[in-house]
Amino acid sequence: MIQTARLSLEKYHRIVGTGILRDRQLERIEGLRVELSPETPYHANQNNKVYKYLLLFAFSV
């Protein structure tokens, strides 16, 4: 289930500044703050593979 909250960007930055959301993973999508699910080991591994591939590509040009 996705929980969302509609906040202005200014309000969001004030809330973040307090540190209250420090342990939460949030993403801003079309003005909504969406809480992200934790990254799985599979997802982390795939991200790592893409990162390494992009590094190789960037330095081979």
N, C-alpha and C. Protein backbone atom coordinates (compact mmCIF):
# COMPACT_ATOMS: atom_id res chain seq x y z
N MET A 1 0.84 -1.18 0.00
CA MET A 1 0.00 0.00 0.00
C MET A 1 0.89 1.24 0.00
N ILE A 2 0.59 2.19 -0.85
CA ILE A 2 1.35 3.42 -0.94
C ILE A 2 0.65 4.49 -0.12
N GLN A 3 1.40 5.13 0.78
CA GLN A 3 0.86 6.24 1.56
C GLN A 3 1.43 7.53 1.02
N THR A 4 0.56 8.48 0.77
CA THR A 4 1.00 9.75 0.20
C THR A 4 0.53 10.92 1.05
N ALA A 5 1.21 12.03 0.90
CA ALA A 5 0.81 13.26 1.58
C ALA A 5 1.08 14.42 0.62
N ARG A 6 0.14 15.31 0.44
CA ARG A 6 0.32 16.44 -0.45
C ARG A 6 0.81 17.64 0.38
N LEU A 7 2.06 18.05 0.10
CA LEU A 7 2.68 19.15 0.81
C LEU A 7 3.33 20.09 -0.20
N SER A 8 3.44 21.35 0.16
CA SER A 8 4.20 22.26 -0.69
C SER A 8 5.68 21.92 -0.52
N LEU A 9 6.48 22.32 -1.49
CA LEU A 9 7.91 22.05 -1.42
C LEU A 9 8.54 22.76 -0.22
N GLU A 10 8.07 23.96 0.06
CA GLU A 10 8.58 24.71 1.22
C GLU A 10 8.28 23.97 2.52
N LYS A 11 7.06 23.48 2.67
CA LYS A 11 6.69 22.74 3.89
C LYS A 11 7.51 21.46 4.00
N TYR A 12 7.69 20.78 2.88
CA TYR A 12 8.46 19.54 2.87
C TYR A 12 9.89 19.81 3.35
N HIS A 13 10.52 20.87 2.84
CA HIS A 13 11.88 21.18 3.25
C HIS A 13 11.96 21.55 4.73
N ARG A 14 10.94 22.20 5.23
CA ARG A 14 10.93 22.52 6.68
C ARG A 14 10.83 21.24 7.50
N ILE A 15 10.00 20.31 7.06
CA ILE A 15 9.85 19.04 7.78
C ILE A 15 11.15 18.25 7.73
N VAL A 16 11.76 18.17 6.55
CA VAL A 16 13.03 17.46 6.40
C VAL A 16 14.10 18.09 7.28
N GLY A 17 14.10 19.43 7.36
CA GLY A 17 15.08 20.14 8.18
C GLY A 17 15.01 19.79 9.65
N THR A 18 13.86 19.35 10.12
CA THR A 18 13.74 18.97 11.52
C THR A 18 14.39 17.61 11.81
N GLY A 19 14.62 16.82 10.76
CA GLY A 19 15.20 15.50 10.94
C GLY A 19 14.19 14.41 11.21
N ILE A 20 12.92 14.76 11.22
CA ILE A 20 11.89 13.78 11.55
C ILE A 20 11.76 12.67 10.52
N LEU A 21 12.15 12.95 9.27
CA LEU A 21 12.03 11.95 8.21
C LEU A 21 13.37 11.30 7.88
N ARG A 22 14.35 11.43 8.74
CA ARG A 22 15.70 10.95 8.48
C ARG A 22 15.75 9.47 8.13
N ASP A 23 14.95 8.66 8.79
CA ASP A 23 14.99 7.21 8.57
C ASP A 23 13.97 6.74 7.53
N ARG A 24 13.33 7.67 6.82
CA ARG A 24 12.32 7.32 5.82
C ARG A 24 12.87 7.56 4.43
N GLN A 25 12.52 6.69 3.50
CA GLN A 25 12.90 6.87 2.11
C GLN A 25 11.68 7.41 1.36
N LEU A 26 11.76 8.68 0.97
CA LEU A 26 10.65 9.33 0.29
C LEU A 26 11.09 9.81 -1.08
N GLU A 27 10.13 9.83 -1.99
CA GLU A 27 10.38 10.36 -3.33
C GLU A 27 9.23 11.31 -3.66
N ARG A 28 9.56 12.39 -4.36
CA ARG A 28 8.54 13.36 -4.75
C ARG A 28 8.11 13.03 -6.16
N ILE A 29 6.84 12.68 -6.33
CA ILE A 29 6.28 12.34 -7.64
C ILE A 29 5.04 13.19 -7.85
N GLU A 30 5.12 14.10 -8.81
CA GLU A 30 4.01 14.98 -9.16
C GLU A 30 3.40 15.66 -7.94
N GLY A 31 4.26 16.19 -7.08
CA GLY A 31 3.80 16.93 -5.92
C GLY A 31 3.44 16.07 -4.72
N LEU A 32 3.50 14.77 -4.86
CA LEU A 32 3.20 13.87 -3.75
C LEU A 32 4.50 13.30 -3.20
N ARG A 33 4.54 13.09 -1.90
CA ARG A 33 5.68 12.42 -1.28
C ARG A 33 5.30 10.97 -1.12
N VAL A 34 6.02 10.09 -1.80
CA VAL A 34 5.70 8.68 -1.78
C VAL A 34 6.78 7.95 -1.00
N GLU A 35 6.36 7.15 -0.04
CA GLU A 35 7.32 6.37 0.73
C GLU A 35 7.72 5.15 -0.09
N LEU A 36 9.03 4.96 -0.25
CA LEU A 36 9.55 3.87 -1.04
C LEU A 36 9.73 2.63 -0.18
N SER A 37 9.55 1.48 -0.80
CA SER A 37 9.79 0.24 -0.07
C SER A 37 11.30 0.01 0.00
N PRO A 38 11.76 -0.75 0.99
CA PRO A 38 13.20 -0.98 1.13
C PRO A 38 13.77 -1.69 -0.10
N GLU A 39 15.02 -1.39 -0.42
CA GLU A 39 15.69 -2.02 -1.55
C GLU A 39 16.03 -3.46 -1.18
N THR A 40 15.71 -4.39 -2.07
CA THR A 40 16.03 -5.80 -1.83
C THR A 40 17.46 -6.08 -2.28
N PRO A 41 18.06 -7.17 -1.82
CA PRO A 41 19.41 -7.52 -2.27
C PRO A 41 19.49 -7.66 -3.80
N TYR A 42 18.45 -8.22 -4.41
CA TYR A 42 18.44 -8.36 -5.87
C TYR A 42 18.51 -6.98 -6.54
N HIS A 43 17.70 -6.07 -6.07
CA HIS A 43 17.66 -4.72 -6.63
C HIS A 43 19.01 -4.03 -6.45
N ALA A 44 19.60 -4.15 -5.29
CA ALA A 44 20.91 -3.55 -5.02
C ALA A 44 21.96 -4.12 -5.96
N ASN A 45 21.92 -5.43 -6.18
CA ASN A 45 22.88 -6.08 -7.08
C ASN A 45 22.72 -5.57 -8.51
N GLN A 46 21.49 -5.44 -8.98
CA GLN A 46 21.25 -4.95 -10.33
C GLN A 46 21.72 -3.51 -10.48
N ASN A 47 21.47 -2.69 -9.48
CA ASN A 47 21.95 -1.31 -9.51
C ASN A 47 23.47 -1.26 -9.59
N ASN A 48 24.13 -2.13 -8.84
CA ASN A 48 25.58 -2.19 -8.84
C ASN A 48 26.11 -2.58 -10.22
N LYS A 49 25.46 -3.55 -10.86
CA LYS A 49 25.87 -3.98 -12.20
C LYS A 49 25.73 -2.85 -13.21
N VAL A 50 24.63 -2.14 -13.17
CA VAL A 50 24.42 -1.01 -14.09
C VAL A 50 25.45 0.08 -13.84
N TYR A 51 25.72 0.37 -12.57
CA TYR A 51 26.71 1.39 -12.22
C TYR A 51 28.08 1.03 -12.80
N LYS A 52 28.51 -0.23 -12.61
CA LYS A 52 29.80 -0.66 -13.13
C LYS A 52 29.84 -0.59 -14.65
N TYR A 53 28.76 -0.99 -15.31
CA TYR A 53 28.69 -0.92 -16.77
C TYR A 53 28.82 0.52 -17.24
N LEU A 54 28.11 1.42 -16.60
CA LEU A 54 28.17 2.83 -17.00
C LEU A 54 29.56 3.42 -16.77
N LEU A 55 30.23 3.02 -15.71
CA LEU A 55 31.59 3.49 -15.47
C LEU A 55 32.54 3.00 -16.58
N LEU A 56 32.40 1.75 -16.96
CA LEU A 56 33.24 1.22 -18.03
C LEU A 56 32.97 1.97 -19.33
N PHE A 57 31.72 2.22 -19.62
CA PHE A 57 31.34 2.92 -20.84
C PHE A 57 31.85 4.35 -20.83
N ALA A 58 31.73 5.03 -19.71
CA ALA A 58 32.14 6.42 -19.60
C ALA A 58 33.65 6.58 -19.83
N PHE A 59 34.45 5.63 -19.35
CA PHE A 59 35.90 5.76 -19.46
C PHE A 59 36.45 5.14 -20.75
N SER A 60 35.60 4.47 -21.52
CA SER A 60 36.08 3.88 -22.77
C SER A 60 35.84 4.80 -23.97
N VAL A 61 35.15 5.90 -23.74
CA VAL A 61 34.84 6.82 -24.85
C VAL A 61 36.00 7.75 -25.12
